[in-house]
Amino acid sequence: NNPTYALHIDNNGNTSAANVLIDSTTLHDASIGFSHNGTFGFTIGSDETDRSFKISSGNALGTNDRFVIDSSGNIGMGVSNPSAFSSEARRLVVGDGVNAQGITVHAGTSHSASLFFADGTAGNTAYAGYVQYRHANDRLDFGAAGGTRMSVNGNGAGIGTYSPDAKLDVSGAYSDSIAFFRNGSNTVEITDDADLLVDGDVGIGTTSPSYCLEVTKSKSSSLLS
């Protein structure tokens, strides 16, 4: 009685469910349109063509789709066929394939903006891998296996440090191997105390050493200076 809206559905005094069903034929969409002074803004509903839920600009579904949930549960924003993309990454597809596309994560100046990769909800399974920008530190962290593996700030990239002071700053604990360089079975290892460990022959001035250490020079150059 005495509704204050153009359409007011009461569920019998809040004692039972209040449901609305829009049942269309197999030839037409089931939808609701929103207009302003006769000019359509958006239409929302189920598209009979592919049985997807859509929010579209204008007075019809399937022409200017802005948001789509298809029958497989995949979501498209700006794209009407999210299930057409790779099965490895189509739960959410953003962009219409025209001009530049992107997603912005807007966080507070003292907070983080994050993208987490999870395979569970307990402990670090909730953030097994991640990309996280820490606005308070102006630092971008890259995570794997539940921990930060590389950090980038205004100075450069850091491995083993959150505060790199050079273009590449690598830090390791005692007995750590800082870097490995491999070419087949041949390896070069740099340890935490700057030792250079080589599995194979080393050549200085030659690319084909025959000994553990072979140093060669041209007649016009000095061996040491």
Protein backbone atom coordinates (compact mmCIF):
# COMPACT_ATOMS: atom_id res chain seq x y z
CA ASN A 1 0.00 0.00 0.00
CA ASN A 2 1.10 3.54 -0.78
CA PRO A 3 4.40 2.67 -2.54
CA THR A 4 6.99 5.47 -2.80
CA TYR A 5 8.55 4.05 -5.98
CA ALA A 6 7.17 3.38 -9.47
CA LEU A 7 7.54 -0.33 -8.72
CA HIS A 8 7.59 -1.69 -5.18
CA ILE A 9 7.70 -5.46 -4.58
CA ASP A 10 6.92 -6.54 -1.03
CA ASN A 11 7.66 -10.08 0.14
CA ASN A 12 4.55 -10.43 2.26
CA GLY A 13 5.79 -8.36 5.16
CA ASN A 14 9.37 -9.72 4.95
CA THR A 15 8.16 -13.23 5.75
CA SER A 16 9.01 -14.87 2.42
CA ALA A 17 11.37 -14.46 -0.52
CA ALA A 18 10.85 -11.57 -2.93
CA ASN A 19 11.68 -12.79 -6.42
CA VAL A 20 11.23 -11.35 -9.89
CA LEU A 21 11.25 -13.53 -13.01
CA ILE A 22 11.56 -12.19 -16.54
CA ASP A 23 10.71 -15.10 -18.83
CA SER A 24 11.22 -14.43 -22.53
CA THR A 25 10.73 -16.62 -25.57
CA THR A 26 13.57 -18.44 -27.32
CA LEU A 27 13.59 -15.69 -29.94
CA HIS A 28 14.07 -12.68 -27.70
CA ASP A 29 16.22 -11.39 -24.85
CA ALA A 30 15.07 -11.13 -21.24
CA SER A 31 16.17 -7.64 -20.26
CA ILE A 32 15.53 -4.39 -18.44
CA GLY A 33 16.32 -1.02 -20.04
CA PHE A 34 17.25 2.26 -18.39
CA SER A 35 16.53 5.53 -20.19
CA HIS A 36 16.55 9.25 -19.52
CA ASN A 37 13.78 11.26 -21.17
CA GLY A 38 13.38 8.55 -23.78
CA THR A 39 17.11 8.14 -24.51
CA PHE A 40 18.43 4.73 -23.54
CA GLY A 41 21.49 4.62 -21.31
CA PHE A 42 21.97 0.92 -20.55
CA THR A 43 20.24 -2.42 -20.99
CA ILE A 44 20.82 -5.30 -18.61
CA GLY A 45 19.73 -8.91 -18.97
CA SER A 46 20.19 -12.33 -20.56
CA ASP A 47 21.09 -12.39 -24.27
CA GLU A 48 19.13 -15.17 -25.98
CA THR A 49 21.79 -15.48 -28.69
CA ASP A 50 24.45 -16.96 -26.39
CA ARG A 51 22.67 -17.08 -23.01
CA SER A 52 25.19 -14.67 -21.50
CA PHE A 53 24.40 -12.05 -18.87
CA LYS A 54 25.22 -8.63 -20.26
CA ILE A 55 25.24 -4.94 -19.48
CA SER A 56 25.15 -3.05 -22.76
CA SER A 57 25.04 0.57 -23.87
CA GLY A 58 21.85 1.54 -25.67
CA ASN A 59 18.52 -0.24 -25.97
CA ALA A 60 19.62 -3.80 -26.86
CA LEU A 61 21.92 -6.56 -25.67
CA GLY A 62 24.69 -7.84 -27.89
CA THR A 63 25.54 -4.62 -29.72
CA ASN A 64 27.55 -2.43 -27.35
CA ASP A 65 28.36 -4.91 -24.57
CA ARG A 66 30.30 -3.37 -21.68
CA PHE A 67 30.20 -6.28 -19.21
CA VAL A 68 29.60 -9.96 -19.96
CA ILE A 69 29.34 -13.14 -17.89
CA ASP A 70 29.11 -16.05 -20.29
CA SER A 71 27.62 -19.49 -19.68
CA SER A 72 31.02 -20.80 -18.51
CA GLY A 73 31.29 -18.11 -15.84
CA ASN A 74 34.04 -16.22 -17.64
CA ILE A 75 33.89 -12.43 -17.42
CA GLY A 76 34.56 -9.94 -20.17
CA MET A 77 34.90 -6.18 -19.75
CA GLY A 78 34.90 -4.48 -23.13
CA VAL A 79 34.87 -7.89 -24.82
CA SER A 80 31.81 -10.05 -25.47
CA ASN A 81 33.50 -13.45 -25.90
CA PRO A 82 35.85 -14.09 -22.96
CA SER A 83 35.74 -17.88 -23.44
CA ALA A 84 37.43 -17.45 -26.85
CA PHE A 85 40.71 -16.61 -25.11
CA SER A 86 43.30 -19.01 -23.66
CA SER A 87 41.88 -21.43 -21.10
CA GLU A 88 44.86 -20.53 -18.89
CA ALA A 89 43.75 -16.91 -18.52
CA ARG A 90 40.14 -16.17 -19.44
CA ARG A 91 38.30 -16.00 -16.11
CA LEU A 92 38.57 -12.22 -16.54
CA VAL A 93 39.33 -10.64 -19.91
CA VAL A 94 39.66 -6.85 -20.16
CA GLY A 95 39.87 -4.78 -23.32
CA ASP A 96 38.29 -4.59 -26.77
CA GLY A 97 41.47 -5.10 -28.80
CA VAL A 98 41.38 -1.54 -30.10
CA ASN A 99 43.83 1.17 -29.04
CA ALA A 100 45.51 1.09 -25.62
CA GLN A 101 43.89 -0.97 -22.84
CA GLY A 102 44.75 -1.25 -19.16
CA ILE A 103 43.79 -1.75 -15.54
CA THR A 104 44.64 0.71 -12.77
CA VAL A 105 44.94 -0.27 -9.11
CA HIS A 106 44.46 2.94 -7.09
CA ALA A 107 45.81 2.67 -3.54
CA GLY A 108 46.54 5.14 -0.76
CA THR A 109 49.89 6.93 -0.57
CA SER A 110 51.01 4.83 2.42
CA HIS A 111 49.54 1.51 1.25
CA SER A 112 50.26 -1.22 -1.27
CA ALA A 113 48.64 -2.04 -4.62
CA SER A 114 48.88 -5.77 -5.27
CA LEU A 115 48.24 -8.64 -7.65
CA PHE A 116 48.42 -12.00 -5.86
CA PHE A 117 48.68 -15.51 -7.30
CA ALA A 118 47.24 -18.03 -4.84
CA ASP A 119 46.74 -21.78 -4.68
CA GLY A 120 45.09 -21.74 -1.25
CA THR A 121 43.93 -19.47 1.57
CA ALA A 122 46.20 -20.47 4.47
CA GLY A 123 49.61 -18.90 5.10
CA ASN A 124 51.67 -17.98 2.08
CA THR A 125 49.53 -20.12 -0.22
CA ALA A 126 47.30 -17.04 -0.39
CA TYR A 127 50.21 -15.10 -1.96
CA ALA A 128 52.46 -17.81 -3.44
CA GLY A 129 53.37 -15.36 -6.19
CA TYR A 130 52.73 -11.63 -6.38
CA VAL A 131 53.45 -8.27 -7.93
CA GLN A 132 53.13 -5.54 -5.33
CA TYR A 133 53.84 -1.81 -5.43
CA ARG A 134 54.55 -0.26 -2.02
CA HIS A 135 53.68 3.41 -2.31
CA ALA A 136 55.18 4.30 1.07
CA ASN A 137 58.60 3.11 -0.19
CA ASP A 138 58.13 3.75 -3.94
CA ARG A 139 59.17 0.15 -4.48
CA LEU A 140 57.91 -2.62 -6.77
CA ASP A 141 58.28 -6.17 -5.37
CA PHE A 142 58.14 -9.42 -7.32
CA GLY A 143 57.31 -12.52 -5.27
CA ALA A 144 57.57 -16.28 -5.78
CA ALA A 145 57.19 -19.24 -3.40
CA GLY A 146 55.64 -16.90 -0.84
CA GLY A 147 58.54 -14.44 -0.58
CA THR A 148 59.99 -11.40 -2.34
CA ARG A 149 62.64 -12.37 -4.91
CA MET A 150 63.33 -9.02 -6.54
CA SER A 151 62.65 -5.39 -5.63
CA VAL A 152 62.85 -2.38 -7.92
CA ASN A 153 63.12 1.22 -6.73
CA GLY A 154 64.30 4.48 -8.24
CA ASN A 155 67.94 3.33 -8.11
CA GLY A 156 67.62 -0.02 -9.81
CA ALA A 157 66.79 -3.68 -9.23
CA GLY A 158 67.69 -5.54 -6.05
CA ILE A 159 68.00 -9.29 -5.53
CA GLY A 160 68.36 -10.19 -1.88
CA THR A 161 67.84 -6.57 -0.85
CA TYR A 162 64.81 -4.30 -0.61
CA SER A 163 66.92 -1.14 -1.09
CA PRO A 164 69.10 -1.41 -4.19
CA ASP A 165 71.74 1.31 -4.55
CA ALA A 166 72.78 0.50 -8.13
CA LYS A 167 71.23 -0.51 -11.44
CA LEU A 168 71.64 -4.10 -10.22
CA ASP A 169 72.28 -4.74 -6.52
CA VAL A 170 72.71 -8.39 -5.52
CA SER A 171 73.09 -9.29 -1.86
CA GLY A 172 73.44 -12.69 -0.25
CA ALA A 173 73.99 -14.23 3.16
CA TYR A 174 77.22 -16.01 4.12
CA SER A 175 77.78 -19.21 2.08
CA ASP A 176 75.24 -18.08 -0.52
CA SER A 177 75.88 -18.32 -4.23
CA ILE A 178 75.23 -14.88 -5.70
CA ALA A 179 75.09 -15.86 -9.37
CA PHE A 180 75.52 -18.77 -11.77
CA PHE A 181 76.38 -18.46 -15.44
CA ARG A 182 75.94 -21.69 -17.41
CA ASN A 183 76.83 -22.80 -20.90
CA GLY A 184 75.96 -26.46 -21.17
CA SER A 185 77.98 -28.29 -18.51
CA ASN A 186 80.33 -25.34 -17.98
CA THR A 187 79.50 -23.01 -15.09
CA VAL A 188 80.80 -19.83 -13.54
CA GLU A 189 79.74 -19.13 -9.93
CA ILE A 190 80.07 -15.90 -7.98
CA THR A 191 79.87 -16.42 -4.21
CA ASP A 192 78.89 -14.04 -1.42
CA ASP A 193 82.55 -13.14 -0.68
CA ALA A 194 83.22 -12.30 -4.36
CA ASP A 195 85.00 -15.56 -5.17
CA LEU A 196 84.83 -16.63 -8.80
CA LEU A 197 84.40 -20.39 -9.16
CA VAL A 198 84.81 -21.77 -12.66
CA ASP A 199 83.98 -25.29 -13.79
CA GLY A 200 86.23 -25.48 -16.87
CA ASP A 201 89.18 -23.66 -18.37
CA VAL A 202 89.54 -19.86 -18.19
CA GLY A 203 90.96 -17.77 -20.97
CA ILE A 204 92.05 -14.14 -20.83
CA GLY A 205 92.75 -12.82 -24.30
CA THR A 206 91.62 -16.08 -25.85
CA THR A 207 88.25 -17.74 -26.42
CA SER A 208 89.67 -21.28 -26.56
CA PRO A 209 91.87 -21.88 -23.50
CA SER A 210 93.68 -25.22 -23.22
CA TYR A 211 94.62 -24.89 -19.55
CA CYS A 212 92.91 -24.07 -16.24
CA LEU A 213 94.09 -20.48 -16.78
CA GLU A 214 95.51 -19.32 -20.10
CA VAL A 215 96.51 -15.70 -20.64
CA THR A 216 97.54 -14.46 -24.08
CA LYS A 217 98.33 -11.05 -25.51
CA SER A 218 99.09 -9.43 -28.79
CA LYS A 219 102.60 -8.07 -29.45
CA SER A 220 101.38 -4.49 -29.17
CA SER A 221 99.72 -4.85 -25.76
CA SER A 222 101.06 -5.09 -22.25
CA LEU A 223 100.19 -8.13 -20.15
CA LEU A 224 100.00 -6.05 -16.95
CA SER A 225 99.91 -2.30 -16.36
